[in-house]
Amino acid sequence: ESACLLHVGRAEEGARLGELALAGIDDAFVRN
């Protein structure tokens, strides 16, 4: 969702959602 917001020009929202996403991705998925 963060990537989609960046593509459509809503970078501030993308940054906020991306920060939240980082807390929810399992540590083992280093590339993600």
PDB file of all heavy atoms in Angstrom:
ATOM      1  N   GLU A   1       0.832  -1.198   0.000  1.00  0.00           N
ATOM      2  CA  GLU A   1       0.000   0.000   0.000  1.00  0.00           C
ATOM      3  C   GLU A   1       0.870   1.253   0.000  1.00  0.00           C
ATOM      4  O   GLU A   1       0.562   2.246  -0.676  1.00  0.00           O
ATOM      5  CB  GLU A   1      -0.930  -0.010   1.213  1.00  0.00           C
ATOM      6  CG  GLU A   1      -1.964   1.101   1.181  1.00  0.00           C
ATOM      7  CD  GLU A   1      -3.025   0.945   2.253  1.00  0.00           C
ATOM      8  OE1 GLU A   1      -2.900   0.037   3.105  1.00  0.00           O
ATOM      9  OE2 GLU A   1      -3.987   1.733   2.238  1.00  0.00           O
ATOM     10  N   SER A   2       1.977   1.207   0.730  1.00  0.00           N
ATOM     11  CA  SER A   2       2.921   2.324   0.730  1.00  0.00           C
ATOM     12  C   SER A   2       3.485   2.563  -0.667  1.00  0.00           C
ATOM     13  O   SER A   2       3.586   3.705  -1.132  1.00  0.00           O
ATOM     14  CB  SER A   2       4.056   2.032   1.717  1.00  0.00           C
ATOM     15  OG  SER A   2       5.105   2.963   1.591  1.00  0.00           O
ATOM     16  N   ALA A   3       3.833   1.476  -1.368  1.00  0.00           N
ATOM     17  CA  ALA A   3       4.362   1.598  -2.730  1.00  0.00           C
ATOM     18  C   ALA A   3       3.319   2.193  -3.668  1.00  0.00           C
ATOM     19  O   ALA A   3       3.637   3.037  -4.524  1.00  0.00           O
ATOM     20  CB  ALA A   3       4.809   0.230  -3.235  1.00  0.00           C
ATOM     21  N   CYS A   4       2.075   1.754  -3.514  1.00  0.00           N
ATOM     22  CA  CYS A   4       1.006   2.279  -4.373  1.00  0.00           C
ATOM     23  C   CYS A   4       0.818   3.778  -4.159  1.00  0.00           C
ATOM     24  O   CYS A   4       0.645   4.542  -5.121  1.00  0.00           O
ATOM     25  CB  CYS A   4      -0.301   1.534  -4.093  1.00  0.00           C
ATOM     26  SG  CYS A   4      -0.300  -0.203  -4.602  1.00  0.00           S
ATOM     27  N   LEU A   5       0.865   4.216  -2.907  1.00  0.00           N
ATOM     28  CA  LEU A   5       0.707   5.635  -2.614  1.00  0.00           C
ATOM     29  C   LEU A   5       1.847   6.452  -3.215  1.00  0.00           C
ATOM     30  O   LEU A   5       1.637   7.560  -3.716  1.00  0.00           O
ATOM     31  CB  LEU A   5       0.635   5.845  -1.094  1.00  0.00           C
ATOM     32  CG  LEU A   5      -0.659   5.358  -0.433  1.00  0.00           C
ATOM     33  CD1 LEU A   5      -0.505   5.304   1.085  1.00  0.00           C
ATOM     34  CD2 LEU A   5      -1.832   6.264  -0.813  1.00  0.00           C
ATOM     35  N   LEU A   6       3.046   5.900  -3.172  1.00  0.00           N
ATOM     36  CA  LEU A   6       4.181   6.595  -3.791  1.00  0.00           C
ATOM     37  C   LEU A   6       3.971   6.734  -5.293  1.00  0.00           C
ATOM     38  O   LEU A   6       4.229   7.790  -5.878  1.00  0.00           O
ATOM     39  CB  LEU A   6       5.476   5.838  -3.485  1.00  0.00           C
ATOM     40  CG  LEU A   6       6.766   6.437  -4.069  1.00  0.00           C
ATOM     41  CD1 LEU A   6       7.015   7.848  -3.538  1.00  0.00           C
ATOM     42  CD2 LEU A   6       7.957   5.533  -3.744  1.00  0.00           C
ATOM     43  N   HIS A   7       3.484   5.677  -5.937  1.00  0.00           N
ATOM     44  CA  HIS A   7       3.261   5.707  -7.389  1.00  0.00           C
ATOM     45  C   HIS A   7       2.242   6.766  -7.794  1.00  0.00           C
ATOM     46  O   HIS A   7       2.353   7.380  -8.855  1.00  0.00           O
ATOM     47  CB  HIS A   7       2.780   4.339  -7.885  1.00  0.00           C
ATOM     48  CG  HIS A   7       3.878   3.357  -8.106  1.00  0.00           C
ATOM     49  ND1 HIS A   7       4.986   3.617  -8.885  1.00  0.00           N
ATOM     50  CD2 HIS A   7       4.032   2.076  -7.656  1.00  0.00           C
ATOM     51  CE1 HIS A   7       5.775   2.564  -8.902  1.00  0.00           C
ATOM     52  NE2 HIS A   7       5.225   1.616  -8.156  1.00  0.00           N
ATOM     53  N   VAL A   8       1.243   6.981  -6.942  1.00  0.00           N
ATOM     54  CA  VAL A   8       0.178   7.923  -7.318  1.00  0.00           C
ATOM     55  C   VAL A   8       0.409   9.312  -6.726  1.00  0.00           C
ATOM     56  O   VAL A   8      -0.494  10.148  -6.709  1.00  0.00           O
ATOM     57  CB  VAL A   8      -1.214   7.393  -6.907  1.00  0.00           C
ATOM     58  CG1 VAL A   8      -1.512   6.081  -7.617  1.00  0.00           C
ATOM     59  CG2 VAL A   8      -1.345   7.237  -5.390  1.00  0.00           C
ATOM     60  N   GLY A   9       1.633   9.560  -6.231  1.00  0.00           N
ATOM     61  CA  GLY A   9       2.001  10.903  -5.806  1.00  0.00           C
ATOM     62  C   GLY A   9       1.606  11.284  -4.405  1.00  0.00           C
ATOM     63  O   GLY A   9       1.544  12.481  -4.078  1.00  0.00           O
ATOM     64  N   ARG A  10       1.352  10.307  -3.525  1.00  0.00           N
ATOM     65  CA  ARG A  10       0.969  10.598  -2.140  1.00  0.00           C
ATOM     66  C   ARG A  10       2.065  10.082  -1.207  1.00  0.00           C
ATOM     67  O   ARG A  10       1.889   9.176  -0.413  1.00  0.00           O
ATOM     68  CB  ARG A  10      -0.394   9.978  -1.829  1.00  0.00           C
ATOM     69  CG  ARG A  10      -1.518  10.618  -2.647  1.00  0.00           C
ATOM     70  CD  ARG A  10      -2.763   9.748  -2.741  1.00  0.00           C
ATOM     71  NE  ARG A  10      -3.363   9.464  -1.455  1.00  0.00           N
ATOM     72  CZ  ARG A  10      -4.423   8.678  -1.288  1.00  0.00           C
ATOM     73  NH1 ARG A  10      -4.984   8.104  -2.358  1.00  0.00           N
ATOM     74  NH2 ARG A  10      -4.922   8.461  -0.096  1.00  0.00           N
ATOM     75  N   ALA A  11       3.236  10.712  -1.342  1.00  0.00           N
ATOM     76  CA  ALA A  11       4.438  10.229  -0.668  1.00  0.00           C
ATOM     77  C   ALA A  11       4.340  10.331   0.851  1.00  0.00           C
ATOM     78  O   ALA A  11       4.843   9.446   1.565  1.00  0.00           O
ATOM     79  CB  ALA A  11       5.663  10.992  -1.165  1.00  0.00           C
ATOM     80  N   GLU A  12       3.732  11.401   1.382  1.00  0.00           N
ATOM     81  CA  GLU A  12       3.644  11.547   2.839  1.00  0.00           C
ATOM     82  C   GLU A  12       2.867  10.385   3.459  1.00  0.00           C
ATOM     83  O   GLU A  12       3.293   9.802   4.458  1.00  0.00           O
ATOM     84  CB  GLU A  12       2.971  12.878   3.212  1.00  0.00           C
ATOM     85  CG  GLU A  12       3.778  14.105   2.855  1.00  0.00           C
ATOM     86  CD  GLU A  12       3.507  14.592   1.446  1.00  0.00           C
ATOM     87  OE1 GLU A  12       2.842  13.856   0.669  1.00  0.00           O
ATOM     88  OE2 GLU A  12       3.958  15.702   1.110  1.00  0.00           O
ATOM     89  N   GLU A  13       1.741  10.030   2.845  1.00  0.00           N
ATOM     90  CA  GLU A  13       0.970   8.890   3.335  1.00  0.00           C
ATOM     91  C   GLU A  13       1.754   7.589   3.161  1.00  0.00           C
ATOM     92  O   GLU A  13       1.702   6.695   4.011  1.00  0.00           O
ATOM     93  CB  GLU A  13      -0.356   8.779   2.593  1.00  0.00           C
ATOM     94  CG  GLU A  13      -1.331   9.911   2.855  1.00  0.00           C
ATOM     95  CD  GLU A  13      -2.594   9.749   2.025  1.00  0.00           C
ATOM     96  OE1 GLU A  13      -3.354   8.808   2.302  1.00  0.00           O
ATOM     97  OE2 GLU A  13      -2.799  10.550   1.094  1.00  0.00           O
ATOM     98  N   GLY A  14       2.484   7.493   2.056  1.00  0.00           N
ATOM     99  CA  GLY A  14       3.294   6.301   1.816  1.00  0.00           C
ATOM    100  C   GLY A  14       4.355   6.114   2.880  1.00  0.00           C
ATOM    101  O   GLY A  14       4.600   4.989   3.332  1.00  0.00           O
ATOM    102  N   ALA A  15       4.981   7.208   3.305  1.00  0.00           N
ATOM    103  CA  ALA A  15       5.999   7.123   4.355  1.00  0.00           C
ATOM    104  C   ALA A  15       5.382   6.646   5.668  1.00  0.00           C
ATOM    105  O   ALA A  15       5.931   5.783   6.359  1.00  0.00           O
ATOM    106  CB  ALA A  15       6.671   8.480   4.545  1.00  0.00           C
ATOM    107  N   ARG A  16       4.218   7.217   6.003  1.00  0.00           N
ATOM    108  CA  ARG A  16       3.566   6.840   7.267  1.00  0.00           C
ATOM    109  C   ARG A  16       3.180   5.367   7.276  1.00  0.00           C
ATOM    110  O   ARG A  16       3.456   4.644   8.240  1.00  0.00           O
ATOM    111  CB  ARG A  16       2.332   7.717   7.475  1.00  0.00           C
ATOM    112  CG  ARG A  16       1.559   7.410   8.755  1.00  0.00           C
ATOM    113  CD  ARG A  16       0.367   8.351   8.914  1.00  0.00           C
ATOM    114  NE  ARG A  16      -0.544   8.278   7.775  1.00  0.00           N
ATOM    115  CZ  ARG A  16      -1.476   7.336   7.629  1.00  0.00           C
ATOM    116  NH1 ARG A  16      -1.594   6.368   8.528  1.00  0.00           N
ATOM    117  NH2 ARG A  16      -2.278   7.344   6.580  1.00  0.00           N
ATOM    118  N   LEU A  17       2.565   4.890   6.201  1.00  0.00           N
ATOM    119  CA  LEU A  17       2.158   3.484   6.150  1.00  0.00           C
ATOM    120  C   LEU A  17       3.367   2.557   6.070  1.00  0.00           C
ATOM    121  O   LEU A  17       3.358   1.456   6.637  1.00  0.00           O
ATOM    122  CB  LEU A  17       1.241   3.255   4.949  1.00  0.00           C
ATOM    123  CG  LEU A  17      -0.209   3.707   5.112  1.00  0.00           C
ATOM    124  CD1 LEU A  17      -0.986   3.468   3.828  1.00  0.00           C
ATOM    125  CD2 LEU A  17      -0.874   2.979   6.271  1.00  0.00           C
ATOM    126  N   GLY A  18       4.406   2.993   5.360  1.00  0.00           N
ATOM    127  CA  GLY A  18       5.607   2.171   5.265  1.00  0.00           C
ATOM    128  C   GLY A  18       6.276   1.981   6.609  1.00  0.00           C
ATOM    129  O   GLY A  18       6.762   0.884   6.933  1.00  0.00           O
ATOM    130  N   GLU A  19       6.313   3.044   7.426  1.00  0.00           N
ATOM    131  CA  GLU A  19       6.899   2.931   8.768  1.00  0.00           C
ATOM    132  C   GLU A  19       6.120   1.912   9.598  1.00  0.00           C
ATOM    133  O   GLU A  19       6.712   1.108  10.329  1.00  0.00           O
ATOM    134  CB  GLU A  19       6.868   4.293   9.466  1.00  0.00           C
ATOM    135  CG  GLU A  19       7.690   5.383   8.789  1.00  0.00           C
ATOM    136  CD  GLU A  19       9.141   5.406   9.222  1.00  0.00           C
ATOM    137  OE1 GLU A  19       9.567   4.445   9.891  1.00  0.00           O
ATOM    138  OE2 GLU A  19       9.835   6.372   8.875  1.00  0.00           O
ATOM    139  N   LEU A  20       4.795   1.937   9.496  1.00  0.00           N
ATOM    140  CA  LEU A  20       3.977   0.964  10.227  1.00  0.00           C
ATOM    141  C   LEU A  20       4.215  -0.450   9.706  1.00  0.00           C
ATOM    142  O   LEU A  20       4.256  -1.412  10.476  1.00  0.00           O
ATOM    143  CB  LEU A  20       2.496   1.332  10.097  1.00  0.00           C
ATOM    144  CG  LEU A  20       2.046   2.631  10.773  1.00  0.00           C
ATOM    145  CD1 LEU A  20       0.591   2.929  10.420  1.00  0.00           C
ATOM    146  CD2 LEU A  20       2.222   2.541  12.289  1.00  0.00           C
ATOM    147  N   ALA A  21       4.384  -0.580   8.386  1.00  0.00           N
ATOM    148  CA  ALA A  21       4.590  -1.901   7.789  1.00  0.00           C
ATOM    149  C   ALA A  21       5.870  -2.548   8.295  1.00  0.00           C
ATOM    150  O   ALA A  21       5.936  -3.770   8.495  1.00  0.00           O
ATOM    151  CB  ALA A  21       4.621  -1.786   6.270  1.00  0.00           C
ATOM    152  N   LEU A  22       6.912  -1.737   8.511  1.00  0.00           N
ATOM    153  CA  LEU A  22       8.195  -2.286   8.964  1.00  0.00           C
ATOM    154  C   LEU A  22       8.050  -3.034  10.288  1.00  0.00           C
ATOM    155  O   LEU A  22       8.753  -4.018  10.519  1.00  0.00           O
ATOM    156  CB  LEU A  22       9.224  -1.160   9.114  1.00  0.00           C
ATOM    157  CG  LEU A  22       9.788  -0.593   7.816  1.00  0.00           C
ATOM    158  CD1 LEU A  22      10.619   0.648   8.088  1.00  0.00           C
ATOM    159  CD2 LEU A  22      10.628  -1.648   7.095  1.00  0.00           C
ATOM    160  N   ALA A  23       7.147  -2.567  11.131  1.00  0.00           N
ATOM    161  CA  ALA A  23       6.952  -3.230  12.421  1.00  0.00           C
ATOM    162  C   ALA A  23       6.213  -4.558  12.280  1.00  0.00           C
ATOM    163  O   ALA A  23       6.281  -5.403  13.171  1.00  0.00           O
ATOM    164  CB  ALA A  23       6.186  -2.309  13.373  1.00  0.00           C
ATOM    165  N   GLY A  24       5.522  -4.755  11.140  1.00  0.00           N
ATOM    166  CA  GLY A  24       4.700  -5.947  10.982  1.00  0.00           C
ATOM    167  C   GLY A  24       5.300  -7.033  10.115  1.00  0.00           C
ATOM    168  O   GLY A  24       4.705  -8.097   9.950  1.00  0.00           O
ATOM    169  N   ILE A  25       6.478  -6.788   9.512  1.00  0.00           N
ATOM    170  CA  ILE A  25       7.125  -7.784   8.658  1.00  0.00           C
ATOM    171  C   ILE A  25       8.064  -8.629   9.501  1.00  0.00           C
ATOM    172  O   ILE A  25       8.872  -8.104  10.267  1.00  0.00           O
ATOM    173  CB  ILE A  25       7.893  -7.108   7.505  1.00  0.00           C
ATOM    174  CG1 ILE A  25       6.921  -6.317   6.620  1.00  0.00           C
ATOM    175  CG2 ILE A  25       8.644  -8.143   6.671  1.00  0.00           C
ATOM    176  CD1 ILE A  25       7.613  -5.502   5.535  1.00  0.00           C
ATOM    177  N   ASP A  26       7.964  -9.935   9.360  1.00  0.00           N
ATOM    178  CA  ASP A  26       8.787 -10.851  10.139  1.00  0.00           C
ATOM    179  C   ASP A  26      10.269 -10.609   9.879  1.00  0.00           C
ATOM    180  O   ASP A  26      10.682 -10.354   8.755  1.00  0.00           O
ATOM    181  CB  ASP A  26       8.423 -12.297   9.774  1.00  0.00           C
ATOM    182  CG  ASP A  26       9.057 -13.295  10.728  1.00  0.00           C
ATOM    183  OD1 ASP A  26      10.255 -13.594  10.562  1.00  0.00           O
ATOM    184  OD2 ASP A  26       8.360 -13.779  11.633  1.00  0.00           O
ATOM    185  N   ASP A  27      11.079 -10.723  10.954  1.00  0.00           N
ATOM    186  CA  ASP A  27      12.511 -10.457  10.850  1.00  0.00           C
ATOM    187  C   ASP A  27      13.214 -11.351   9.830  1.00  0.00           C
ATOM    188  O   ASP A  27      14.258 -10.969   9.279  1.00  0.00           O
ATOM    189  CB  ASP A  27      13.189 -10.680  12.214  1.00  0.00           C
ATOM    190  CG  ASP A  27      12.561  -9.860  13.314  1.00  0.00           C
ATOM    191  OD1 ASP A  27      11.785  -8.946  12.990  1.00  0.00           O
ATOM    192  OD2 ASP A  27      12.851 -10.129  14.493  1.00  0.00           O
ATOM    193  N   ALA A  28      12.683 -12.555   9.595  1.00  0.00           N
ATOM    194  CA  ALA A  28      13.351 -13.500   8.706  1.00  0.00           C
ATOM    195  C   ALA A  28      13.270 -13.088   7.238  1.00  0.00           C
ATOM    196  O   ALA A  28      14.036 -13.589   6.422  1.00  0.00           O
ATOM    197  CB  ALA A  28      12.748 -14.897   8.870  1.00  0.00           C
ATOM    198  N   PHE A  29      12.357 -12.166   6.909  1.00  0.00           N
ATOM    199  CA  PHE A  29      12.214 -11.746   5.515  1.00  0.00           C
ATOM    200  C   PHE A  29      13.022 -10.474   5.298  1.00  0.00           C
ATOM    201  O   PHE A  29      12.494  -9.366   5.186  1.00  0.00           O
ATOM    202  CB  PHE A  29      10.735 -11.576   5.168  1.00  0.00           C
ATOM    203  CG  PHE A  29       9.937 -12.829   5.401  1.00  0.00           C
ATOM    204  CD1 PHE A  29       8.914 -12.872   6.330  1.00  0.00           C
ATOM    205  CD2 PHE A  29      10.242 -13.992   4.702  1.00  0.00           C
ATOM    206  CE1 PHE A  29       8.200 -14.040   6.553  1.00  0.00           C
ATOM    207  CE2 PHE A  29       9.534 -15.165   4.920  1.00  0.00           C
ATOM    208  CZ  PHE A  29       8.510 -15.192   5.850  1.00  0.00           C
ATOM    209  N   VAL A  30      14.339 -10.669   5.238  1.00  0.00           N
ATOM    210  CA  VAL A  30      15.269  -9.538   5.214  1.00  0.00           C
ATOM    211  C   VAL A  30      15.076  -8.688   3.958  1.00  0.00           C
ATOM    212  O   VAL A  30      15.098  -7.460   4.028  1.00  0.00           O
ATOM    213  CB  VAL A  30      16.725 -10.048   5.312  1.00  0.00           C
ATOM    214  CG1 VAL A  30      17.713  -8.883   5.261  1.00  0.00           C
ATOM    215  CG2 VAL A  30      16.918 -10.853   6.600  1.00  0.00           C
ATOM    216  N   ARG A  31      14.887  -9.338   2.823  1.00  0.00           N
ATOM    217  CA  ARG A  31      14.701  -8.582   1.572  1.00  0.00           C
ATOM    218  C   ARG A  31      13.455  -7.704   1.652  1.00  0.00           C
ATOM    219  O   ARG A  31      13.487  -6.533   1.237  1.00  0.00           O
ATOM    220  CB  ARG A  31      14.597  -9.546   0.393  1.00  0.00           C
ATOM    221  CG  ARG A  31      14.272  -8.886  -0.942  1.00  0.00           C
ATOM    222  CD  ARG A  31      14.261  -9.916  -2.069  1.00  0.00           C
ATOM    223  NE  ARG A  31      13.651 -11.147  -1.618  1.00  0.00           N
ATOM    224  CZ  ARG A  31      14.206 -12.362  -1.766  1.00  0.00           C
ATOM    225  NH1 ARG A  31      15.339 -12.508  -2.401  1.00  0.00           N
ATOM    226  NH2 ARG A  31      13.598 -13.434  -1.313  1.00  0.00           N
ATOM    227  N   ASN A  32      12.357  -8.234   2.191  1.00  0.00           N
ATOM    228  CA  ASN A  32      11.129  -7.450   2.307  1.00  0.00           C
ATOM    229  C   ASN A  32      11.327  -6.240   3.216  1.00  0.00           C
ATOM    230  O   ASN A  32      10.851  -5.141   2.928  1.00  0.00           O
ATOM    231  CB  ASN A  32       9.985  -8.324   2.841  1.00  0.00           C
ATOM    232  CG  ASN A  32       9.582  -9.407   1.863  1.00  0.00           C
ATOM    233  OD1 ASN A  32      10.041  -9.428   0.725  1.00  0.00           O
ATOM    234  ND2 ASN A  32       8.730 -10.302   2.301  1.00  0.00           N
TER     235      ASN A  32
END
